Amino acid sequence: MAPYECFLFAQELADRLNKDVDLIDLNQAPTVFQAQIFATGIVMDMKNENALNVKRMLAYRLYAKLNEERA
């Protein structure tokens, strides 16, 4: 989905749900943001649960490595 289409879809969802909505392309999000999304976000669309779980584990692993390097 193109960024502008994603924006319009998020606005439509927000109007229907009467809540703030952020739609994020996890493949474009930085590691820290990915970890925050997996920790607090809600999955709205999932075509492949296994791929999502692999992405989640990778995000947490990279986030932990980043924190180790900072220490």
C-alpha atoms as a PDB file:
ATOM      1  CA  MET A   1       0.000   0.000   0.000  1.00  0.00           C
ATOM      2  CA  ALA A   2       1.342   3.409  -0.927  1.00  0.00           C
ATOM      3  CA  PRO A   3       1.999   5.799   1.983  1.00  0.00           C
ATOM      4  CA  TYR A   4      -0.848   8.139   1.038  1.00  0.00           C
ATOM      5  CA  GLU A   5      -3.300   5.239   0.699  1.00  0.00           C
ATOM      6  CA  CYS A   6      -2.173   3.996   4.109  1.00  0.00           C
ATOM      7  CA  PHE A   7      -2.788   7.453   5.559  1.00  0.00           C
ATOM      8  CA  LEU A   8      -6.296   7.611   4.074  1.00  0.00           C
ATOM      9  CA  PHE A   9      -7.115   4.110   5.302  1.00  0.00           C
ATOM     10  CA  ALA A  10      -5.879   4.984   8.806  1.00  0.00           C
ATOM     11  CA  GLN A  11      -8.104   8.061   8.807  1.00  0.00           C
ATOM     12  CA  GLU A  12     -11.101   6.001   7.726  1.00  0.00           C
ATOM     13  CA  LEU A  13     -10.435   3.447  10.477  1.00  0.00           C
ATOM     14  CA  ALA A  14     -10.020   6.199  13.043  1.00  0.00           C
ATOM     15  CA  ASP A  15     -13.352   7.717  12.032  1.00  0.00           C
ATOM     16  CA  ARG A  16     -15.143   4.368  12.218  1.00  0.00           C
ATOM     17  CA  LEU A  17     -13.565   3.332  15.525  1.00  0.00           C
ATOM     18  CA  ASN A  18     -13.603   6.813  17.026  1.00  0.00           C
ATOM     19  CA  LYS A  19     -10.002   6.209  18.147  1.00  0.00           C
ATOM     20  CA  ASP A  20      -6.555   7.260  17.020  1.00  0.00           C
ATOM     21  CA  VAL A  21      -5.096   4.778  14.546  1.00  0.00           C
ATOM     22  CA  ASP A  22      -1.520   4.391  13.313  1.00  0.00           C
ATOM     23  CA  LEU A  23      -0.844   2.013  10.441  1.00  0.00           C
ATOM     24  CA  ILE A  24       2.824   1.096  10.252  1.00  0.00           C
ATOM     25  CA  ASP A  25       4.774  -0.847   7.639  1.00  0.00           C
ATOM     26  CA  LEU A  26       7.010  -2.933   9.893  1.00  0.00           C
ATOM     27  CA  ASN A  27       9.481  -3.460   7.061  1.00  0.00           C
ATOM     28  CA  GLN A  28      10.146   0.285   7.013  1.00  0.00           C
ATOM     29  CA  ALA A  29      10.135   0.921  10.780  1.00  0.00           C
ATOM     30  CA  PRO A  30      13.361   1.252  12.810  1.00  0.00           C
ATOM     31  CA  THR A  31      14.223  -1.519  15.293  1.00  0.00           C
ATOM     32  CA  VAL A  32      13.207   0.408  18.428  1.00  0.00           C
ATOM     33  CA  PHE A  33       9.865   1.339  16.891  1.00  0.00           C
ATOM     34  CA  GLN A  34       9.263  -2.271  15.830  1.00  0.00           C
ATOM     35  CA  ALA A  35       9.884  -3.480  19.392  1.00  0.00           C
ATOM     36  CA  GLN A  36       7.484  -0.848  20.755  1.00  0.00           C
ATOM     37  CA  ILE A  37       4.846  -1.837  18.214  1.00  0.00           C
ATOM     38  CA  PHE A  38       5.083  -5.512  19.115  1.00  0.00           C
ATOM     39  CA  ALA A  39       4.984  -4.691  22.823  1.00  0.00           C
ATOM     40  CA  THR A  40       1.939  -2.404  22.708  1.00  0.00           C
ATOM     41  CA  GLY A  41       0.320  -2.585  19.271  1.00  0.00           C
ATOM     42  CA  ILE A  42      -2.640  -4.524  17.932  1.00  0.00           C
ATOM     43  CA  VAL A  43      -2.346  -6.567  14.750  1.00  0.00           C
ATOM     44  CA  MET A  44      -5.141  -5.560  12.384  1.00  0.00           C
ATOM     45  CA  ASP A  45      -4.225  -7.700   9.378  1.00  0.00           C
ATOM     46  CA  MET A  46      -2.080 -10.811   9.225  1.00  0.00           C
ATOM     47  CA  LYS A  47      -1.643 -12.920   6.135  1.00  0.00           C
ATOM     48  CA  ASN A  48       0.997 -15.234   7.604  1.00  0.00           C
ATOM     49  CA  GLU A  49       1.133 -15.781  11.367  1.00  0.00           C
ATOM     50  CA  ASN A  50       4.467 -17.606  11.166  1.00  0.00           C
ATOM     51  CA  ALA A  51       6.098 -14.716   9.283  1.00  0.00           C
ATOM     52  CA  LEU A  52       4.710 -12.265  11.843  1.00  0.00           C
ATOM     53  CA  ASN A  53       6.150 -14.313  14.713  1.00  0.00           C
ATOM     54  CA  VAL A  54       9.548 -14.482  13.000  1.00  0.00           C
ATOM     55  CA  LYS A  55       9.441 -10.694  12.496  1.00  0.00           C
ATOM     56  CA  ARG A  56       8.512 -10.231  16.179  1.00  0.00           C
ATOM     57  CA  MET A  57      11.390 -12.431  17.392  1.00  0.00           C
ATOM     58  CA  LEU A  58      13.859 -10.671  15.095  1.00  0.00           C
ATOM     59  CA  ALA A  59      12.715  -7.241  16.273  1.00  0.00           C
ATOM     60  CA  TYR A  60      13.110  -8.199  19.944  1.00  0.00           C
ATOM     61  CA  ARG A  61      16.503  -9.813  19.303  1.00  0.00           C
ATOM     62  CA  LEU A  62      17.813  -6.748  17.457  1.00  0.00           C
ATOM     63  CA  TYR A  63      16.375  -4.468  20.141  1.00  0.00           C
ATOM     64  CA  ALA A  64      18.129  -6.468  22.886  1.00  0.00           C
ATOM     65  CA  LYS A  65      21.395  -6.381  20.922  1.00  0.00           C
ATOM     66  CA  LEU A  66      21.057  -2.625  20.449  1.00  0.00           C
ATOM     67  CA  ASN A  67      20.562  -2.148  24.194  1.00  0.00           C
ATOM     68  CA  GLU A  68      23.595  -4.333  24.953  1.00  0.00           C
ATOM     69  CA  GLU A  69      25.732  -2.255  22.601  1.00  0.00           C
ATOM     70  CA  ARG A  70      24.569   0.951  24.272  1.00  0.00           C
ATOM     71  CA  ALA A  71      25.528  -0.289  27.750  1.00  0.00           C
END
